[in-house]
PDB file of all heavy atoms in Angstrom:
ATOM      1  N   ALA A   1       0.825  -1.210   0.000  1.00  0.00           N
ATOM      2  CA  ALA A   1       0.000   0.000   0.000  1.00  0.00           C
ATOM      3  C   ALA A   1       0.857   1.257   0.000  1.00  0.00           C
ATOM      4  O   ALA A   1       0.538   2.251  -0.661  1.00  0.00           O
ATOM      5  CB  ALA A   1      -0.930  -0.009   1.216  1.00  0.00           C
ATOM      6  N   ILE A   2       1.980   1.215   0.720  1.00  0.00           N
ATOM      7  CA  ILE A   2       2.865   2.380   0.757  1.00  0.00           C
ATOM      8  C   ILE A   2       3.620   2.514  -0.557  1.00  0.00           C
ATOM      9  O   ILE A   2       3.829   3.630  -1.058  1.00  0.00           O
ATOM     10  CB  ILE A   2       3.832   2.259   1.950  1.00  0.00           C
ATOM     11  CG1 ILE A   2       3.044   2.353   3.271  1.00  0.00           C
ATOM     12  CG2 ILE A   2       4.907   3.337   1.900  1.00  0.00           C
ATOM     13  CD1 ILE A   2       3.876   2.144   4.504  1.00  0.00           C
ATOM     14  N   ARG A   3       4.011   1.398  -1.157  1.00  0.00           N
ATOM     15  CA  ARG A   3       4.683   1.453  -2.456  1.00  0.00           C
ATOM     16  C   ARG A   3       3.774   2.085  -3.508  1.00  0.00           C
ATOM     17  O   ARG A   3       4.209   2.898  -4.332  1.00  0.00           O
ATOM     18  CB  ARG A   3       5.084   0.043  -2.911  1.00  0.00           C
ATOM     19  CG  ARG A   3       6.315  -0.532  -2.236  1.00  0.00           C
ATOM     20  CD  ARG A   3       6.720  -1.816  -2.919  1.00  0.00           C
ATOM     21  NE  ARG A   3       7.767  -2.530  -2.229  1.00  0.00           N
ATOM     22  CZ  ARG A   3       9.068  -2.273  -2.361  1.00  0.00           C
ATOM     23  NH1 ARG A   3       9.455  -1.320  -3.187  1.00  0.00           N
ATOM     24  NH2 ARG A   3       9.968  -2.995  -1.696  1.00  0.00           N
ATOM     25  N   GLU A   4       2.506   1.705  -3.489  1.00  0.00           N
ATOM     26  CA  GLU A   4       1.544   2.189  -4.488  1.00  0.00           C
ATOM     27  C   GLU A   4       0.877   3.487  -4.062  1.00  0.00           C
ATOM     28  O   GLU A   4       0.011   3.990  -4.780  1.00  0.00           O
ATOM     29  CB  GLU A   4       0.486   1.113  -4.726  1.00  0.00           C
ATOM     30  CG  GLU A   4       1.057  -0.189  -5.280  1.00  0.00           C
ATOM     31  CD  GLU A   4       0.010  -1.283  -5.396  1.00  0.00           C
ATOM     32  OE1 GLU A   4      -1.136  -1.043  -4.936  1.00  0.00           O
ATOM     33  OE2 GLU A   4       0.330  -2.350  -5.938  1.00  0.00           O
ATOM     34  N   ARG A   5       1.279   4.010  -2.862  1.00  0.00           N
ATOM     35  CA  ARG A   5       0.731   5.253  -2.321  1.00  0.00           C
ATOM     36  C   ARG A   5      -0.782   5.198  -2.185  1.00  0.00           C
ATOM     37  O   ARG A   5      -1.504   6.178  -2.451  1.00  0.00           O
ATOM     38  CB  ARG A   5       1.154   6.455  -3.176  1.00  0.00           C
ATOM     39  CG  ARG A   5       2.658   6.620  -3.296  1.00  0.00           C
ATOM     40  CD  ARG A   5       3.027   7.958  -3.898  1.00  0.00           C
ATOM     41  NE  ARG A   5       2.683   9.049  -2.996  1.00  0.00           N
ATOM     42  CZ  ARG A   5       3.422   9.452  -1.962  1.00  0.00           C
ATOM     43  NH1 ARG A   5       4.567   8.824  -1.686  1.00  0.00           N
ATOM     44  NH2 ARG A   5       3.035  10.459  -1.214  1.00  0.00           N
ATOM     45  N   THR A   6      -1.285   4.037  -1.766  1.00  0.00           N
ATOM     46  CA  THR A   6      -2.714   3.882  -1.502  1.00  0.00           C
ATOM     47  C   THR A   6      -2.992   3.730  -0.014  1.00  0.00           C
ATOM     48  O   THR A   6      -4.118   3.451   0.376  1.00  0.00           O
ATOM     49  CB  THR A   6      -3.265   2.656  -2.255  1.00  0.00           C
ATOM     50  OG1 THR A   6      -2.529   1.474  -1.846  1.00  0.00           O
ATOM     51  CG2 THR A   6      -3.132   2.835  -3.746  1.00  0.00           C
ATOM     52  N   HIS A   7      -1.953   3.894   0.801  1.00  0.00           N
ATOM     53  CA  HIS A   7      -2.115   3.799   2.259  1.00  0.00           C
ATOM     54  C   HIS A   7      -3.049   4.907   2.728  1.00  0.00           C
ATOM     55  O   HIS A   7      -3.011   6.038   2.224  1.00  0.00           O
ATOM     56  CB  HIS A   7      -0.754   3.915   2.936  1.00  0.00           C
ATOM     57  CG  HIS A   7      -0.765   3.584   4.389  1.00  0.00           C
ATOM     58  ND1 HIS A   7      -1.100   4.511   5.368  1.00  0.00           N
ATOM     59  CD2 HIS A   7      -0.499   2.431   5.064  1.00  0.00           C
ATOM     60  CE1 HIS A   7      -1.018   3.953   6.557  1.00  0.00           C
ATOM     61  NE2 HIS A   7      -0.656   2.691   6.397  1.00  0.00           N
ATOM     62  N   TRP A   8      -3.891   4.603   3.700  1.00  0.00           N
ATOM     63  CA  TRP A   8      -4.907   5.564   4.137  1.00  0.00           C
ATOM     64  C   TRP A   8      -4.316   6.860   4.692  1.00  0.00           C
ATOM     65  O   TRP A   8      -4.946   7.924   4.630  1.00  0.00           O
ATOM     66  CB  TRP A   8      -5.796   4.920   5.206  1.00  0.00           C
ATOM     67  CG  TRP A   8      -5.071   4.608   6.486  1.00  0.00           C
ATOM     68  CD1 TRP A   8      -4.391   3.475   6.782  1.00  0.00           C
ATOM     69  CD2 TRP A   8      -4.950   5.457   7.629  1.00  0.00           C
ATOM     70  NE1 TRP A   8      -3.844   3.549   8.034  1.00  0.00           N
ATOM     71  CE2 TRP A   8      -4.179   4.752   8.591  1.00  0.00           C
ATOM     72  CE3 TRP A   8      -5.421   6.728   7.957  1.00  0.00           C
ATOM     73  CZ2 TRP A   8      -3.864   5.286   9.835  1.00  0.00           C
ATOM     74  CZ3 TRP A   8      -5.111   7.264   9.202  1.00  0.00           C
ATOM     75  CH2 TRP A   8      -4.342   6.549  10.124  1.00  0.00           C
ATOM     76  N   ASN A   9      -3.065   6.800   5.187  1.00  0.00           N
ATOM     77  CA  ASN A   9      -2.460   7.986   5.796  1.00  0.00           C
ATOM     78  C   ASN A   9      -1.252   8.479   5.009  1.00  0.00           C
ATOM     79  O   ASN A   9      -0.392   9.174   5.551  1.00  0.00           O
ATOM     80  CB  ASN A   9      -2.043   7.662   7.238  1.00  0.00           C
ATOM     81  CG  ASN A   9      -1.799   8.894   8.064  1.00  0.00           C
ATOM     82  OD1 ASN A   9      -2.457   9.930   7.897  1.00  0.00           O
ATOM     83  ND2 ASN A   9      -0.855   8.821   8.984  1.00  0.00           N
ATOM     84  N   ILE A  10      -1.195   8.151   3.727  1.00  0.00           N
ATOM     85  CA  ILE A  10       0.005   8.442   2.941  1.00  0.00           C
ATOM     86  C   ILE A  10       0.293   9.932   2.867  1.00  0.00           C
ATOM     87  O   ILE A  10       1.451  10.351   2.823  1.00  0.00           O
ATOM     88  CB  ILE A  10      -0.134   7.844   1.523  1.00  0.00           C
ATOM     89  CG1 ILE A  10       1.204   7.904   0.771  1.00  0.00           C
ATOM     90  CG2 ILE A  10      -1.237   8.541   0.749  1.00  0.00           C
ATOM     91  CD1 ILE A  10       2.259   7.009   1.339  1.00  0.00           C
ATOM     92  N   ASN A  11      -0.723  10.786   2.872  1.00  0.00           N
ATOM     93  CA  ASN A  11      -0.503  12.226   2.739  1.00  0.00           C
ATOM     94  C   ASN A  11       0.117  12.847   3.989  1.00  0.00           C
ATOM     95  O   ASN A  11       0.644  13.961   3.923  1.00  0.00           O
ATOM     96  CB  ASN A  11      -1.828  12.931   2.431  1.00  0.00           C
ATOM     97  CG  ASN A  11      -2.368  12.569   1.058  1.00  0.00           C
ATOM     98  OD1 ASN A  11      -1.603  12.297   0.140  1.00  0.00           O
ATOM     99  ND2 ASN A  11      -3.691  12.552   0.917  1.00  0.00           N
ATOM    100  N   ASN A  12       0.034  12.160   5.112  1.00  0.00           N
ATOM    101  CA  ASN A  12       0.580  12.691   6.358  1.00  0.00           C
ATOM    102  C   ASN A  12       1.885  12.011   6.764  1.00  0.00           C
ATOM    103  O   ASN A  12       2.412  12.298   7.836  1.00  0.00           O
ATOM    104  CB  ASN A  12      -0.443  12.530   7.493  1.00  0.00           C
ATOM    105  CG  ASN A  12      -1.716  13.305   7.227  1.00  0.00           C
ATOM    106  OD1 ASN A  12      -1.688  14.417   6.718  1.00  0.00           O
ATOM    107  ND2 ASN A  12      -2.857  12.709   7.576  1.00  0.00           N
ATOM    108  N   MET A  13       2.390  11.120   5.925  1.00  0.00           N
ATOM    109  CA  MET A  13       3.583  10.360   6.275  1.00  0.00           C
ATOM    110  C   MET A  13       4.844  11.072   5.820  1.00  0.00           C
ATOM    111  O   MET A  13       4.846  11.752   4.792  1.00  0.00           O
ATOM    112  CB  MET A  13       3.510   8.952   5.669  1.00  0.00           C
ATOM    113  CG  MET A  13       2.454   8.072   6.316  1.00  0.00           C
ATOM    114  SD  MET A  13       2.065   6.589   5.345  1.00  0.00           S
ATOM    115  CE  MET A  13       3.700   5.896   5.115  1.00  0.00           C
ATOM    116  N   GLN A  14       5.912  10.921   6.593  1.00  0.00           N
ATOM    117  CA  GLN A  14       7.218  11.471   6.269  1.00  0.00           C
ATOM    118  C   GLN A  14       8.256  10.345   6.349  1.00  0.00           C
ATOM    119  O   GLN A  14       8.244   9.578   7.301  1.00  0.00           O
ATOM    120  CB  GLN A  14       7.609  12.583   7.247  1.00  0.00           C
ATOM    121  CG  GLN A  14       6.736  13.819   7.163  1.00  0.00           C
ATOM    122  CD  GLN A  14       6.915  14.584   5.864  1.00  0.00           C
ATOM    123  OE1 GLN A  14       7.986  14.525   5.264  1.00  0.00           O
ATOM    124  NE2 GLN A  14       5.877  15.286   5.429  1.00  0.00           N
ATOM    125  N   PRO A  15       9.148  10.229   5.367  1.00  0.00           N
ATOM    126  CA  PRO A  15      10.154   9.157   5.424  1.00  0.00           C
ATOM    127  C   PRO A  15      11.157   9.392   6.543  1.00  0.00           C
ATOM    128  O   PRO A  15      11.778  10.454   6.621  1.00  0.00           O
ATOM    129  CB  PRO A  15      10.829   9.232   4.046  1.00  0.00           C
ATOM    130  CG  PRO A  15      10.576  10.623   3.565  1.00  0.00           C
ATOM    131  CD  PRO A  15       9.263  11.043   4.143  1.00  0.00           C
ATOM    132  N   ILE A  16      11.286   8.416   7.444  1.00  0.00           N
ATOM    133  CA  ILE A  16      12.214   8.504   8.568  1.00  0.00           C
ATOM    134  C   ILE A  16      13.018   7.211   8.627  1.00  0.00           C
ATOM    135  O   ILE A  16      12.460   6.114   8.530  1.00  0.00           O
ATOM    136  CB  ILE A  16      11.480   8.726   9.907  1.00  0.00           C
ATOM    137  CG1 ILE A  16      10.591   9.973   9.838  1.00  0.00           C
ATOM    138  CG2 ILE A  16      12.472   8.862  11.054  1.00  0.00           C
ATOM    139  CD1 ILE A  16       9.799  10.209  11.111  1.00  0.00           C
ATOM    140  N   ASP A  17      14.312   7.343   8.804  1.00  0.00           N
ATOM    141  CA  ASP A  17      15.215   6.200   8.857  1.00  0.00           C
ATOM    142  C   ASP A  17      14.817   5.276  10.018  1.00  0.00           C
ATOM    143  O   ASP A  17      14.702   5.720  11.156  1.00  0.00           O
ATOM    144  CB  ASP A  17      16.641   6.702   9.060  1.00  0.00           C
ATOM    145  CG  ASP A  17      17.673   5.612   8.828  1.00  0.00           C
ATOM    146  OD1 ASP A  17      17.384   4.455   9.147  1.00  0.00           O
ATOM    147  OD2 ASP A  17      18.762   5.934   8.334  1.00  0.00           O
ATOM    148  N   PRO A  18      14.592   3.980   9.754  1.00  0.00           N
ATOM    149  CA  PRO A  18      14.228   3.056  10.829  1.00  0.00           C
ATOM    150  C   PRO A  18      15.310   2.902  11.884  1.00  0.00           C
ATOM    151  O   PRO A  18      15.009   2.567  13.027  1.00  0.00           O
ATOM    152  CB  PRO A  18      13.960   1.740  10.091  1.00  0.00           C
ATOM    153  CG  PRO A  18      14.716   1.862   8.799  1.00  0.00           C
ATOM    154  CD  PRO A  18      14.659   3.309   8.441  1.00  0.00           C
ATOM    155  N   VAL A  19      16.579   3.146  11.498  1.00  0.00           N
ATOM    156  CA  VAL A  19      17.656   3.092  12.489  1.00  0.00           C
ATOM    157  C   VAL A  19      17.506   4.230  13.487  1.00  0.00           C
ATOM    158  O   VAL A  19      17.675   4.052  14.693  1.00  0.00           O
ATOM    159  CB  VAL A  19      19.027   3.153  11.795  1.00  0.00           C
ATOM    160  CG1 VAL A  19      20.146   3.179  12.822  1.00  0.00           C
ATOM    161  CG2 VAL A  19      19.208   1.970  10.852  1.00  0.00           C
ATOM    162  N   ALA A  20      17.158   5.419  12.994  1.00  0.00           N
ATOM    163  CA  ALA A  20      16.957   6.562  13.881  1.00  0.00           C
ATOM    164  C   ALA A  20      15.765   6.344  14.800  1.00  0.00           C
ATOM    165  O   ALA A  20      15.747   6.848  15.929  1.00  0.00           O
ATOM    166  CB  ALA A  20      16.764   7.834  13.058  1.00  0.00           C
ATOM    167  N   LEU A  21      14.775   5.586  14.343  1.00  0.00           N
ATOM    168  CA  LEU A  21      13.596   5.304  15.165  1.00  0.00           C
ATOM    169  C   LEU A  21      13.822   4.152  16.127  1.00  0.00           C
ATOM    170  O   LEU A  21      12.991   3.901  16.991  1.00  0.00           O
ATOM    171  CB  LEU A  21      12.401   4.986  14.257  1.00  0.00           C
ATOM    172  CG  LEU A  21      11.876   6.139  13.399  1.00  0.00           C
ATOM    173  CD1 LEU A  21      10.818   5.628  12.432  1.00  0.00           C
ATOM    174  CD2 LEU A  21      11.298   7.237  14.283  1.00  0.00           C
ATOM    175  N   GLY A  22      14.925   3.440  15.966  1.00  0.00           N
ATOM    176  CA  GLY A  22      15.201   2.310  16.837  1.00  0.00           C
ATOM    177  C   GLY A  22      14.452   1.049  16.456  1.00  0.00           C
ATOM    178  O   GLY A  22      14.346   0.118  17.258  1.00  0.00           O
ATOM    179  N   LEU A  23      13.942   0.982  15.235  1.00  0.00           N
ATOM    180  CA  LEU A  23      13.208  -0.201  14.786  1.00  0.00           C
ATOM    181  C   LEU A  23      14.132  -1.311  14.305  1.00  0.00           C
ATOM    182  O   LEU A  23      13.725  -2.470  14.241  1.00  0.00           O
ATOM    183  CB  LEU A  23      12.235   0.189  13.668  1.00  0.00           C
ATOM    184  CG  LEU A  23      11.115   1.148  14.069  1.00  0.00           C
ATOM    185  CD1 LEU A  23      10.294   1.551  12.857  1.00  0.00           C
ATOM    186  CD2 LEU A  23      10.206   0.508  15.126  1.00  0.00           C
ATOM    187  N   CYS A  24      15.355  -0.960  13.943  1.00  0.00           N
ATOM    188  CA  CYS A  24      16.336  -1.962  13.554  1.00  0.00           C
ATOM    189  C   CYS A  24      17.717  -1.379  13.780  1.00  0.00           C
ATOM    190  O   CYS A  24      17.874  -0.180  14.016  1.00  0.00           O
ATOM    191  CB  CYS A  24      16.150  -2.399  12.095  1.00  0.00           C
ATOM    192  SG  CYS A  24      16.528  -1.110  10.880  1.00  0.00           S
ATOM    193  N   LYS A  25      18.735  -2.232  13.695  1.00  0.00           N
ATOM    194  CA  LYS A  25      20.108  -1.791  13.878  1.00  0.00           C
ATOM    195  C   LYS A  25      20.718  -1.434  12.526  1.00  0.00           C
ATOM    196  O   LYS A  25      20.298  -1.941  11.484  1.00  0.00           O
ATOM    197  CB  LYS A  25      20.942  -2.893  14.542  1.00  0.00           C
ATOM    198  CG  LYS A  25      20.459  -3.275  15.932  1.00  0.00           C
ATOM    199  CD  LYS A  25      21.303  -4.390  16.512  1.00  0.00           C
ATOM    200  CE  LYS A  25      20.821  -4.800  17.891  1.00  0.00           C
ATOM    201  NZ  LYS A  25      21.620  -5.929  18.454  1.00  0.00           N
ATOM    202  N   GLN A  26      21.733  -0.560  12.563  1.00  0.00           N
ATOM    203  CA  GLN A  26      22.396  -0.166  11.330  1.00  0.00           C
ATOM    204  C   GLN A  26      23.056  -1.363  10.652  1.00  0.00           C
ATOM    205  O   GLN A  26      23.059  -1.472   9.423  1.00  0.00           O
ATOM    206  CB  GLN A  26      23.445   0.906  11.625  1.00  0.00           C
ATOM    207  CG  GLN A  26      24.095   1.491  10.386  1.00  0.00           C
ATOM    208  CD  GLN A  26      23.116   2.265   9.525  1.00  0.00           C
ATOM    209  OE1 GLN A  26      22.438   3.155  10.014  1.00  0.00           O
ATOM    210  NE2 GLN A  26      23.033   1.930   8.238  1.00  0.00           N
TER     211      GLN A  26
END
């Protein structure tokens, strides 16, 4: 959905590095 930009909140989303968010390790 995000690839095709059909996600319900796509207009309010900002790309953020998952490492900076702590979701995964570098």
